[in-house]
Amino acid sequence: MRKADLAHNHRKLDAAIERHRDFMRKCIDAQRVIATAEEKRMLAESVILRLCAQWEQFLDEHIADSINVTPVQLGEYLGAAIPKNPSRDLCVALVFGGTYRDFRSFGDLKGFTKRILPDTENPFLQVTNAHARKIDEVYKIRNYLSHYSAYARRSLARMYNDEYHNTRFLEPGQFLLAYDGQRLWSYFDAFQGASEDMKAWY
């Protein structure tokens, strides 16, 4: 059985990131259909949610494909014999067990993949701390936008204060588009950079 092509997952992710980046550039520059700052903030929040969804799809596919390429350590972790060339469906079933696996931070993702992949075969370990930290920031924004809970708001407020010395709570769209959207573009760069970090390892 042919092994998974890990580079294929990156092509799909990179194309999605660039597509969303181009869309946001057009939205921010628009003066007619999307004319108000509030509309642009709403779009920025929506695009951040979609960007996170694309990243999560990439993680699901890439973890399963990484196991397809190197299944030995997962077998040791599970205490089960795994075929030398497991099918992709088997890899998905073994890793995810039919449930959604939520990584609360990049550290959580790295910790999980260290248990199931040898360090020498683990592309997730190649992502720099700078890119990982920015992606963690995005997820604090995503969690707030997904729930609007008091807990998610406090977590986001802490991030604003700790990373940006901003004690005033801003709704995510306002935060993302401040300073000509520098923060928004830095988040796009973090996802793209994480992909590049991993690709450089292959």
N, C-alpha and C. Protein backbone atom coordinates (compact mmCIF):
# COMPACT_ATOMS: atom_id res chain seq x y z
N MET A 1 0.85 -1.19 0.00
CA MET A 1 0.00 0.00 0.00
C MET A 1 0.89 1.25 0.00
N ARG A 2 0.54 2.22 -0.82
CA ARG A 2 1.33 3.44 -0.94
C ARG A 2 1.17 4.29 0.32
N LYS A 3 2.29 4.85 0.79
CA LYS A 3 2.26 5.70 1.97
C LYS A 3 1.70 7.08 1.63
N ALA A 4 1.19 7.75 2.65
CA ALA A 4 0.58 9.06 2.47
C ALA A 4 1.62 10.09 2.02
N ASP A 5 1.16 11.04 1.22
CA ASP A 5 2.00 12.15 0.77
C ASP A 5 1.75 13.33 1.70
N LEU A 6 2.65 13.52 2.67
CA LEU A 6 2.43 14.57 3.67
C LEU A 6 2.45 15.96 3.06
N ALA A 7 3.22 16.15 2.00
CA ALA A 7 3.29 17.47 1.36
C ALA A 7 1.94 17.88 0.77
N HIS A 8 1.13 16.91 0.39
CA HIS A 8 -0.18 17.21 -0.20
C HIS A 8 -1.05 18.00 0.78
N ASN A 9 -1.01 17.64 2.05
CA ASN A 9 -1.82 18.34 3.05
C ASN A 9 -1.42 19.81 3.14
N HIS A 10 -0.12 20.08 3.01
CA HIS A 10 0.34 21.47 3.08
C HIS A 10 -0.15 22.28 1.90
N ARG A 11 -0.17 21.69 0.72
CA ARG A 11 -0.64 22.43 -0.45
C ARG A 11 -2.08 22.89 -0.25
N LYS A 12 -2.88 22.03 0.30
CA LYS A 12 -4.29 22.36 0.56
C LYS A 12 -4.42 23.46 1.62
N LEU A 13 -3.66 23.32 2.71
CA LEU A 13 -3.69 24.32 3.78
C LEU A 13 -3.17 25.66 3.28
N ASP A 14 -2.03 25.65 2.60
CA ASP A 14 -1.43 26.90 2.11
C ASP A 14 -2.37 27.63 1.16
N ALA A 15 -3.03 26.88 0.29
CA ALA A 15 -3.97 27.50 -0.65
C ALA A 15 -5.14 28.13 0.10
N ALA A 16 -5.63 27.47 1.14
CA ALA A 16 -6.75 28.01 1.92
C ALA A 16 -6.34 29.28 2.66
N ILE A 17 -5.15 29.27 3.25
CA ILE A 17 -4.67 30.46 3.97
C ILE A 17 -4.56 31.63 3.00
N GLU A 18 -3.98 31.40 1.84
CA GLU A 18 -3.81 32.48 0.87
C GLU A 18 -5.15 32.98 0.35
N ARG A 19 -6.10 32.06 0.16
CA ARG A 19 -7.44 32.44 -0.31
C ARG A 19 -8.12 33.36 0.72
N HIS A 20 -8.02 33.01 2.00
CA HIS A 20 -8.63 33.83 3.05
C HIS A 20 -7.90 35.16 3.21
N ARG A 21 -6.59 35.14 3.07
CA ARG A 21 -5.82 36.38 3.16
C ARG A 21 -6.23 37.35 2.04
N ASP A 22 -6.32 36.84 0.80
CA ASP A 22 -6.72 37.68 -0.33
C ASP A 22 -8.13 38.23 -0.14
N PHE A 23 -9.02 37.38 0.38
CA PHE A 23 -10.39 37.83 0.62
C PHE A 23 -10.41 38.97 1.63
N MET A 24 -9.64 38.84 2.72
CA MET A 24 -9.63 39.90 3.72
C MET A 24 -9.01 41.18 3.18
N ARG A 25 -7.99 41.07 2.35
CA ARG A 25 -7.41 42.28 1.74
C ARG A 25 -8.47 43.03 0.93
N LYS A 26 -9.23 42.28 0.14
CA LYS A 26 -10.29 42.90 -0.66
C LYS A 26 -11.35 43.55 0.23
N CYS A 27 -11.70 42.86 1.31
CA CYS A 27 -12.73 43.39 2.22
C CYS A 27 -12.26 44.67 2.89
N ILE A 28 -11.03 44.68 3.35
CA ILE A 28 -10.52 45.86 4.05
C ILE A 28 -10.41 47.04 3.09
N ASP A 29 -10.03 46.77 1.85
CA ASP A 29 -9.89 47.84 0.86
C ASP A 29 -11.22 48.30 0.27
N ALA A 30 -12.26 47.50 0.44
CA ALA A 30 -13.56 47.81 -0.18
C ALA A 30 -14.13 49.11 0.39
N GLN A 31 -14.76 49.89 -0.47
CA GLN A 31 -15.35 51.16 -0.05
C GLN A 31 -16.85 51.23 -0.31
N ARG A 32 -17.39 50.28 -1.05
CA ARG A 32 -18.80 50.36 -1.40
C ARG A 32 -19.62 49.26 -0.74
N VAL A 33 -19.45 48.02 -1.18
CA VAL A 33 -20.29 46.94 -0.66
C VAL A 33 -20.03 46.73 0.82
N ILE A 34 -18.75 46.75 1.21
CA ILE A 34 -18.38 46.59 2.62
C ILE A 34 -17.77 47.92 3.04
N ALA A 35 -18.62 48.83 3.40
CA ALA A 35 -18.17 50.21 3.58
C ALA A 35 -17.85 50.56 5.03
N THR A 36 -18.53 49.96 5.99
CA THR A 36 -18.38 50.40 7.37
C THR A 36 -17.32 49.58 8.11
N ALA A 37 -16.76 50.19 9.13
CA ALA A 37 -15.76 49.51 9.97
C ALA A 37 -16.38 48.31 10.67
N GLU A 38 -17.64 48.44 11.09
CA GLU A 38 -18.30 47.33 11.77
C GLU A 38 -18.43 46.11 10.86
N GLU A 39 -18.80 46.33 9.60
CA GLU A 39 -18.92 45.22 8.65
C GLU A 39 -17.57 44.54 8.43
N LYS A 40 -16.51 45.33 8.35
CA LYS A 40 -15.18 44.78 8.16
C LYS A 40 -14.74 43.98 9.38
N ARG A 41 -15.10 44.46 10.56
CA ARG A 41 -14.76 43.72 11.79
C ARG A 41 -15.50 42.38 11.83
N MET A 42 -16.77 42.40 11.42
CA MET A 42 -17.54 41.14 11.38
C MET A 42 -16.91 40.15 10.42
N LEU A 43 -16.48 40.63 9.27
CA LEU A 43 -15.83 39.74 8.30
C LEU A 43 -14.51 39.20 8.82
N ALA A 44 -13.73 40.05 9.50
CA ALA A 44 -12.45 39.59 10.06
C ALA A 44 -12.69 38.47 11.07
N GLU A 45 -13.71 38.62 11.91
CA GLU A 45 -14.02 37.57 12.89
C GLU A 45 -14.44 36.28 12.19
N SER A 46 -15.24 36.41 11.14
CA SER A 46 -15.68 35.21 10.41
C SER A 46 -14.52 34.50 9.74
N VAL A 47 -13.60 35.27 9.18
CA VAL A 47 -12.46 34.67 8.50
C VAL A 47 -11.54 33.97 9.50
N ILE A 48 -11.39 34.54 10.69
CA ILE A 48 -10.58 33.88 11.73
C ILE A 48 -11.19 32.53 12.09
N LEU A 49 -12.51 32.45 12.20
CA LEU A 49 -13.16 31.17 12.49
C LEU A 49 -12.91 30.16 11.37
N ARG A 50 -12.99 30.62 10.13
CA ARG A 50 -12.75 29.72 8.99
C ARG A 50 -11.29 29.29 8.94
N LEU A 51 -10.38 30.19 9.26
CA LEU A 51 -8.96 29.86 9.26
C LEU A 51 -8.66 28.77 10.29
N CYS A 52 -9.27 28.88 11.45
CA CYS A 52 -9.10 27.85 12.49
C CYS A 52 -9.67 26.51 12.02
N ALA A 53 -10.81 26.55 11.35
CA ALA A 53 -11.42 25.31 10.84
C ALA A 53 -10.51 24.65 9.80
N GLN A 54 -9.90 25.46 8.93
CA GLN A 54 -8.96 24.91 7.94
C GLN A 54 -7.76 24.28 8.63
N TRP A 55 -7.25 24.94 9.67
CA TRP A 55 -6.11 24.41 10.42
C TRP A 55 -6.47 23.08 11.09
N GLU A 56 -7.65 23.01 11.68
CA GLU A 56 -8.07 21.78 12.34
C GLU A 56 -8.24 20.64 11.35
N GLN A 57 -8.77 20.94 10.17
CA GLN A 57 -8.88 19.91 9.14
C GLN A 57 -7.49 19.42 8.74
N PHE A 58 -6.56 20.36 8.58
CA PHE A 58 -5.18 20.00 8.26
C PHE A 58 -4.59 19.10 9.35
N LEU A 59 -4.78 19.46 10.62
CA LEU A 59 -4.23 18.65 11.71
C LEU A 59 -4.78 17.23 11.67
N ASP A 60 -6.10 17.09 11.51
CA ASP A 60 -6.70 15.76 11.46
C ASP A 60 -6.08 14.92 10.34
N GLU A 61 -5.98 15.51 9.16
CA GLU A 61 -5.44 14.78 8.02
C GLU A 61 -3.95 14.48 8.20
N HIS A 62 -3.23 15.46 8.71
CA HIS A 62 -1.79 15.32 8.78
C HIS A 62 -1.36 14.34 9.88
N ILE A 63 -2.07 14.34 10.99
CA ILE A 63 -1.75 13.37 12.05
C ILE A 63 -2.01 11.96 11.54
N ALA A 64 -3.17 11.76 10.90
CA ALA A 64 -3.49 10.43 10.36
C ALA A 64 -2.47 10.00 9.31
N ASP A 65 -2.09 10.92 8.43
CA ASP A 65 -1.12 10.58 7.39
C ASP A 65 0.27 10.33 7.98
N SER A 66 0.63 11.05 9.04
CA SER A 66 1.92 10.82 9.69
C SER A 66 1.96 9.43 10.31
N ILE A 67 0.84 8.99 10.87
CA ILE A 67 0.75 7.63 11.42
C ILE A 67 0.84 6.61 10.29
N ASN A 68 0.21 6.91 9.16
CA ASN A 68 0.28 6.01 8.01
C ASN A 68 1.73 5.79 7.59
N VAL A 69 2.54 6.86 7.64
CA VAL A 69 3.94 6.77 7.25
C VAL A 69 4.76 6.06 8.33
N THR A 70 4.48 6.35 9.61
CA THR A 70 5.28 5.81 10.72
C THR A 70 4.35 5.31 11.83
N PRO A 71 3.82 4.07 11.73
CA PRO A 71 2.84 3.60 12.70
C PRO A 71 3.41 2.95 13.97
N VAL A 72 4.71 2.71 14.04
CA VAL A 72 5.28 1.86 15.10
C VAL A 72 5.02 2.42 16.49
N GLN A 73 5.30 3.73 16.71
CA GLN A 73 5.18 4.27 18.06
C GLN A 73 3.73 4.31 18.52
N LEU A 74 2.80 4.54 17.61
CA LEU A 74 1.39 4.50 18.00
C LEU A 74 1.03 3.11 18.50
N GLY A 75 1.54 2.08 17.82
CA GLY A 75 1.28 0.71 18.26
C GLY A 75 1.80 0.47 19.66
N GLU A 76 3.00 1.00 19.95
CA GLU A 76 3.57 0.86 21.30
C GLU A 76 2.73 1.63 22.32
N TYR A 77 2.29 2.82 21.93
CA TYR A 77 1.48 3.66 22.83
C TYR A 77 0.15 2.99 23.16
N LEU A 78 -0.46 2.38 22.14
CA LEU A 78 -1.76 1.72 22.34
C LEU A 78 -1.62 0.30 22.88
N GLY A 79 -0.39 -0.23 22.80
CA GLY A 79 -0.20 -1.62 23.21
C GLY A 79 -0.90 -2.58 22.26
N ALA A 80 -0.85 -2.24 20.97
CA ALA A 80 -1.55 -3.05 19.97
C ALA A 80 -0.66 -3.22 18.74
N ALA A 81 -0.85 -4.33 18.06
CA ALA A 81 -0.12 -4.57 16.81
C ALA A 81 -0.81 -3.82 15.69
N ILE A 82 -0.07 -2.96 15.02
CA ILE A 82 -0.59 -2.19 13.90
C ILE A 82 0.14 -2.65 12.65
N PRO A 83 -0.57 -2.90 11.57
CA PRO A 83 0.11 -3.33 10.34
C PRO A 83 1.19 -2.34 9.92
N LYS A 84 2.19 -2.84 9.24
CA LYS A 84 3.29 -1.99 8.77
C LYS A 84 2.79 -0.91 7.80
N ASN A 85 1.77 -1.26 7.04
CA ASN A 85 1.18 -0.31 6.08
C ASN A 85 -0.32 -0.18 6.36
N PRO A 86 -0.68 0.50 7.45
CA PRO A 86 -2.10 0.62 7.78
C PRO A 86 -2.84 1.50 6.78
N SER A 87 -4.10 1.19 6.55
CA SER A 87 -4.90 2.05 5.68
C SER A 87 -5.14 3.39 6.36
N ARG A 88 -5.48 4.38 5.57
CA ARG A 88 -5.74 5.70 6.16
C ARG A 88 -6.94 5.66 7.10
N ASP A 89 -7.96 4.89 6.72
CA ASP A 89 -9.15 4.76 7.58
C ASP A 89 -8.78 4.18 8.94
N LEU A 90 -7.89 3.19 8.93
CA LEU A 90 -7.45 2.59 10.20
C LEU A 90 -6.68 3.63 11.02
N CYS A 91 -5.83 4.41 10.37
CA CYS A 91 -5.07 5.45 11.08
C CYS A 91 -6.01 6.45 11.75
N VAL A 92 -7.02 6.88 11.01
CA VAL A 92 -8.00 7.83 11.56
C VAL A 92 -8.71 7.21 12.76
N ALA A 93 -9.14 5.95 12.62
CA ALA A 93 -9.86 5.27 13.71
C ALA A 93 -8.97 5.12 14.95
N LEU A 94 -7.71 4.76 14.74
CA LEU A 94 -6.81 4.55 15.87
C LEU A 94 -6.49 5.85 16.60
N VAL A 95 -6.32 6.93 15.85
CA VAL A 95 -5.92 8.20 16.47
C VAL A 95 -7.12 8.93 17.07
N PHE A 96 -8.22 8.93 16.36
CA PHE A 96 -9.35 9.75 16.79
C PHE A 96 -10.49 8.94 17.38
N GLY A 97 -10.53 7.65 17.11
CA GLY A 97 -11.55 6.80 17.73
C GLY A 97 -12.97 7.24 17.48
N GLY A 98 -13.22 7.89 16.35
CA GLY A 98 -14.58 8.32 16.04
C GLY A 98 -15.04 9.55 16.80
N THR A 99 -14.11 10.23 17.50
CA THR A 99 -14.49 11.42 18.26
C THR A 99 -13.68 12.62 17.78
N TYR A 100 -14.09 13.79 18.19
CA TYR A 100 -13.37 15.02 17.88
C TYR A 100 -12.27 15.21 18.91
N ARG A 101 -11.07 15.40 18.47
CA ARG A 101 -9.95 15.64 19.38
C ARG A 101 -9.63 17.14 19.37
N ASP A 102 -9.77 17.76 20.53
CA ASP A 102 -9.59 19.20 20.65
C ASP A 102 -8.23 19.47 21.29
N PHE A 103 -7.36 20.18 20.58
CA PHE A 103 -6.07 20.56 21.13
C PHE A 103 -6.20 21.96 21.70
N ARG A 104 -6.05 22.09 23.01
CA ARG A 104 -6.29 23.37 23.68
C ARG A 104 -5.18 24.38 23.44
N SER A 105 -4.02 23.90 23.04
CA SER A 105 -2.90 24.79 22.76
C SER A 105 -1.93 24.05 21.85
N PHE A 106 -0.95 24.78 21.33
CA PHE A 106 0.04 24.12 20.49
C PHE A 106 0.87 23.15 21.32
N GLY A 107 1.10 23.49 22.57
CA GLY A 107 1.81 22.58 23.46
C GLY A 107 1.06 21.27 23.64
N ASP A 108 -0.25 21.35 23.72
CA ASP A 108 -1.10 20.15 23.82
C ASP A 108 -0.95 19.30 22.56
N LEU A 109 -0.94 19.95 21.39
CA LEU A 109 -0.76 19.24 20.13
C LEU A 109 0.61 18.55 20.08
N LYS A 110 1.66 19.28 20.43
CA LYS A 110 3.00 18.70 20.41
C LYS A 110 3.11 17.54 21.40
N GLY A 111 2.53 17.71 22.58
CA GLY A 111 2.57 16.65 23.58
C GLY A 111 1.89 15.38 23.09
N PHE A 112 0.73 15.55 22.45
CA PHE A 112 0.01 14.38 21.93
C PHE A 112 0.81 13.70 20.84
N THR A 113 1.34 14.48 19.89
CA THR A 113 2.06 13.85 18.78
C THR A 113 3.37 13.22 19.24
N LYS A 114 3.96 13.72 20.32
CA LYS A 114 5.18 13.09 20.86
C LYS A 114 4.89 11.69 21.40
N ARG A 115 3.66 11.48 21.87
CA ARG A 115 3.29 10.15 22.37
C ARG A 115 3.09 9.14 21.24
N ILE A 116 2.67 9.61 20.07
CA ILE A 116 2.30 8.66 19.01
C ILE A 116 3.26 8.64 17.82
N LEU A 117 4.20 9.61 17.79
CA LEU A 117 5.18 9.66 16.69
C LEU A 117 6.58 9.80 17.27
N PRO A 118 7.57 9.12 16.70
CA PRO A 118 8.94 9.35 17.16
C PRO A 118 9.37 10.78 16.82
N ASP A 119 10.20 11.36 17.67
CA ASP A 119 10.63 12.74 17.45
C ASP A 119 11.24 12.93 16.07
N THR A 120 11.94 11.92 15.59
CA THR A 120 12.60 12.02 14.28
C THR A 120 11.61 11.98 13.13
N GLU A 121 10.36 11.62 13.40
CA GLU A 121 9.33 11.53 12.36
C GLU A 121 8.13 12.42 12.67
N ASN A 122 8.36 13.44 13.51
CA ASN A 122 7.25 14.27 13.98
C ASN A 122 7.39 15.70 13.44
N PRO A 123 6.72 16.03 12.34
CA PRO A 123 6.85 17.37 11.76
C PRO A 123 6.28 18.48 12.65
N PHE A 124 5.38 18.14 13.57
CA PHE A 124 4.77 19.16 14.43
C PHE A 124 5.79 19.77 15.39
N LEU A 125 6.84 19.02 15.71
CA LEU A 125 7.86 19.52 16.63
C LEU A 125 8.73 20.60 15.97
N GLN A 126 8.62 20.73 14.67
CA GLN A 126 9.44 21.70 13.93
C GLN A 126 8.86 23.11 13.97
N VAL A 127 7.62 23.24 14.38
CA VAL A 127 6.96 24.56 14.40
C VAL A 127 7.62 25.41 15.48
N THR A 128 8.04 26.61 15.12
CA THR A 128 8.74 27.47 16.07
C THR A 128 7.80 27.93 17.19
N ASN A 129 8.40 28.27 18.32
CA ASN A 129 7.61 28.78 19.45
C ASN A 129 6.89 30.06 19.09
N ALA A 130 7.51 30.89 18.25
CA ALA A 130 6.86 32.16 17.86
C ALA A 130 5.59 31.90 17.08
N HIS A 131 5.63 30.97 16.13
CA HIS A 131 4.42 30.65 15.36
C HIS A 131 3.38 29.97 16.26
N ALA A 132 3.84 29.05 17.10
CA ALA A 132 2.92 28.35 18.00
C ALA A 132 2.21 29.32 18.94
N ARG A 133 2.95 30.29 19.47
CA ARG A 133 2.37 31.26 20.40
C ARG A 133 1.29 32.10 19.71
N LYS A 134 1.55 32.51 18.47
CA LYS A 134 0.55 33.29 17.73
C LYS A 134 -0.70 32.46 17.44
N ILE A 135 -0.51 31.19 17.09
CA ILE A 135 -1.67 30.32 16.84
C ILE A 135 -2.47 30.14 18.12
N ASP A 136 -1.81 30.04 19.26
CA ASP A 136 -2.53 29.97 20.54
C ASP A 136 -3.36 31.23 20.77
N GLU A 137 -2.82 32.39 20.39
CA GLU A 137 -3.60 33.63 20.50
C GLU A 137 -4.86 33.56 19.65
N VAL A 138 -4.70 33.07 18.42
CA VAL A 138 -5.86 32.96 17.52
C VAL A 138 -6.93 32.09 18.16
N TYR A 139 -6.51 31.02 18.84
CA TYR A 139 -7.49 30.12 19.43
C TYR A 139 -8.20 30.74 20.63
N LYS A 140 -7.57 31.65 21.31
CA LYS A 140 -8.29 32.37 22.37
C LYS A 140 -9.38 33.25 21.75
N ILE A 141 -9.06 33.85 20.61
CA ILE A 141 -10.07 34.64 19.89
C ILE A 141 -11.18 33.73 19.39
N ARG A 142 -10.80 32.61 18.79
CA ARG A 142 -11.79 31.65 18.26
C ARG A 142 -12.72 31.14 19.36
N ASN A 143 -12.15 30.81 20.51
CA ASN A 143 -12.98 30.31 21.61
C ASN A 143 -14.00 31.34 22.06
N TYR A 144 -13.57 32.59 22.13
CA TYR A 144 -14.51 33.65 22.52
C TYR A 144 -15.60 33.81 21.47
N LEU A 145 -15.22 33.84 20.20
CA LEU A 145 -16.21 34.01 19.13
C LEU A 145 -17.16 32.83 19.04
N SER A 146 -16.70 31.65 19.43
CA SER A 146 -17.53 30.46 19.35
C SER A 146 -18.54 30.36 20.48
N HIS A 147 -18.21 30.96 21.65
CA HIS A 147 -19.05 30.74 22.84
C HIS A 147 -19.55 32.03 23.48
N TYR A 148 -18.79 33.12 23.37
CA TYR A 148 -19.09 34.36 24.09
C TYR A 148 -19.32 34.11 25.58
N SER A 149 -18.63 33.11 26.12
CA SER A 149 -18.78 32.80 27.54
C SER A 149 -17.90 33.74 28.36
N ALA A 150 -18.25 33.85 29.66
CA ALA A 150 -17.46 34.68 30.56
C ALA A 150 -16.04 34.14 30.67
N TYR A 151 -15.90 32.81 30.69
CA TYR A 151 -14.58 32.19 30.80
C TYR A 151 -13.72 32.54 29.58
N ALA A 152 -14.30 32.40 28.38
CA ALA A 152 -13.56 32.70 27.15
C ALA A 152 -13.20 34.18 27.09
N ARG A 153 -14.08 35.03 27.58
CA ARG A 153 -13.80 36.47 27.59
C ARG A 153 -12.63 36.79 28.52
N ARG A 154 -12.61 36.16 29.71
CA ARG A 154 -11.51 36.39 30.65
C ARG A 154 -10.19 35.90 30.06
N SER A 155 -10.22 34.75 29.41
CA SER A 155 -9.01 34.21 28.79
C SER A 155 -8.49 35.14 27.70
N LEU A 156 -9.40 35.67 26.90
CA LEU A 156 -9.01 36.60 25.83
C LEU A 156 -8.49 37.91 26.43
N ALA A 157 -9.14 38.39 27.48
CA ALA A 157 -8.69 39.63 28.13
C ALA A 157 -7.28 39.46 28.70
N ARG A 158 -6.99 38.28 29.28
CA ARG A 158 -5.64 38.01 29.78
C ARG A 158 -4.62 38.03 28.65
N MET A 159 -4.99 37.45 27.51
CA MET A 159 -4.08 37.45 26.37
C MET A 159 -3.81 38.87 25.90
N TYR A 160 -4.86 39.70 25.81
CA TYR A 160 -4.68 41.10 25.42
C TYR A 160 -3.67 41.78 26.35
N ASN A 161 -3.84 41.55 27.66
CA ASN A 161 -2.99 42.20 28.65
C ASN A 161 -1.57 41.64 28.62
N ASP A 162 -1.45 40.30 28.61
CA ASP A 162 -0.13 39.67 28.69
C ASP A 162 0.71 39.91 27.44
N GLU A 163 0.09 39.81 26.27
CA GLU A 163 0.85 39.90 25.02
C GLU A 163 0.92 41.31 24.44
N TYR A 164 -0.10 42.14 24.74
CA TYR A 164 -0.16 43.45 24.10
C TYR A 164 -0.25 44.61 25.10
N HIS A 165 -0.21 44.29 26.40
CA HIS A 165 -0.30 45.30 27.45
C HIS A 165 -1.55 46.17 27.27
N ASN A 166 -2.61 45.54 26.84
CA ASN A 166 -3.87 46.22 26.59
C ASN A 166 -4.86 45.80 27.68
N THR A 167 -5.18 46.71 28.57
CA THR A 167 -6.07 46.38 29.69
C THR A 167 -7.53 46.59 29.34
N ARG A 168 -7.80 47.23 28.22
CA ARG A 168 -9.20 47.45 27.81
C ARG A 168 -9.64 46.31 26.90
N PHE A 169 -10.80 45.74 27.21
CA PHE A 169 -11.30 44.63 26.39
C PHE A 169 -11.82 45.16 25.06
N LEU A 170 -11.37 44.55 23.97
CA LEU A 170 -11.84 44.88 22.63
C LEU A 170 -12.53 43.66 22.05
N GLU A 171 -13.62 43.88 21.35
CA GLU A 171 -14.20 42.78 20.60
C GLU A 171 -13.17 42.34 19.55
N PRO A 172 -13.14 41.05 19.22
CA PRO A 172 -12.08 40.55 18.34
C PRO A 172 -11.91 41.29 17.02
N GLY A 173 -13.00 41.65 16.38
CA GLY A 173 -12.87 42.36 15.10
C GLY A 173 -12.14 43.67 15.24
N GLN A 174 -12.42 44.40 16.31
CA GLN A 174 -11.74 45.66 16.57
C GLN A 174 -10.26 45.41 16.85
N PHE A 175 -9.98 44.40 17.65
CA PHE A 175 -8.59 44.04 17.97
C PHE A 175 -7.82 43.63 16.71
N LEU A 176 -8.45 42.81 15.87
CA LEU A 176 -7.78 42.30 14.67
C LEU A 176 -7.45 43.39 13.67
N LEU A 177 -8.33 44.36 13.52
CA LEU A 177 -8.15 45.36 12.46
C LEU A 177 -7.48 46.65 12.93
N ALA A 178 -7.16 46.73 14.23
CA ALA A 178 -6.43 47.90 14.72
C ALA A 178 -5.05 47.96 14.07
N TYR A 179 -4.50 49.16 13.99
CA TYR A 179 -3.16 49.35 13.41
C TYR A 179 -3.09 48.78 11.99
N ASP A 180 -4.10 49.12 11.18
CA ASP A 180 -4.14 48.68 9.78
C ASP A 180 -4.13 47.16 9.64
N GLY A 181 -4.71 46.47 10.60
CA GLY A 181 -4.83 45.02 10.51
C GLY A 181 -3.54 44.26 10.77
N GLN A 182 -2.57 44.90 11.40
CA GLN A 182 -1.28 44.23 11.62
C GLN A 182 -1.43 42.91 12.38
N ARG A 183 -2.32 42.89 13.36
CA ARG A 183 -2.50 41.66 14.14
C ARG A 183 -3.12 40.56 13.28
N LEU A 184 -4.12 40.94 12.50
CA LEU A 184 -4.74 39.96 11.61
C LEU A 184 -3.72 39.35 10.68
N TRP A 185 -2.89 40.20 10.04
CA TRP A 185 -1.90 39.68 9.10
C TRP A 185 -0.85 38.83 9.83
N SER A 186 -0.53 39.18 11.06
CA SER A 186 0.45 38.37 11.80
C SER A 186 -0.11 36.98 12.09
N TYR A 187 -1.42 36.87 12.23
CA TYR A 187 -2.03 35.55 12.46
C TYR A 187 -2.02 34.72 11.19
N PHE A 188 -2.31 35.35 10.06
CA PHE A 188 -2.15 34.62 8.80
C PHE A 188 -0.71 34.13 8.66
N ASP A 189 0.23 35.02 8.97
CA ASP A 189 1.65 34.66 8.86
C ASP A 189 2.01 33.50 9.79
N ALA A 190 1.38 33.43 10.95
CA ALA A 190 1.70 32.35 11.90
C ALA A 190 1.27 30.99 11.35
N PHE A 191 0.07 30.92 10.78
CA PHE A 191 -0.37 29.64 10.19
C PHE A 191 0.50 29.27 9.00
N GLN A 192 0.77 30.26 8.14
CA GLN A 192 1.62 30.01 6.98
C GLN A 192 3.02 29.62 7.44
N GLY A 193 3.52 30.30 8.45
CA GLY A 193 4.85 30.01 8.98
C GLY A 193 4.94 28.62 9.57
N ALA A 194 3.90 28.20 10.28
CA ALA A 194 3.89 26.84 10.86
C ALA A 194 3.96 25.80 9.74
N SER A 195 3.21 26.04 8.67
CA SER A 195 3.24 25.13 7.53
C SER A 195 4.64 25.09 6.92
N GLU A 196 5.26 26.27 6.78
CA GLU A 196 6.60 26.34 6.22
C GLU A 196 7.62 25.65 7.12
N ASP A 197 7.49 25.82 8.43
CA ASP A 197 8.38 25.14 9.38
C ASP A 197 8.33 23.63 9.16
N MET A 198 7.13 23.13 9.03
CA MET A 198 6.95 21.67 8.85
C MET A 198 7.50 21.21 7.50
N LYS A 199 7.21 21.98 6.46
CA LYS A 199 7.66 21.59 5.12
C LYS A 199 9.18 21.59 5.02
N ALA A 200 9.82 22.51 5.74
CA ALA A 200 11.28 22.59 5.69
C ALA A 200 11.93 21.32 6.26
N TRP A 201 11.19 20.61 7.08
CA TRP A 201 11.71 19.40 7.73
C TRP A 201 11.68 18.19 6.79
N TYR A 202 10.78 18.17 5.81
CA TYR A 202 10.62 16.98 4.95
C TYR A 202 11.84 16.79 4.07
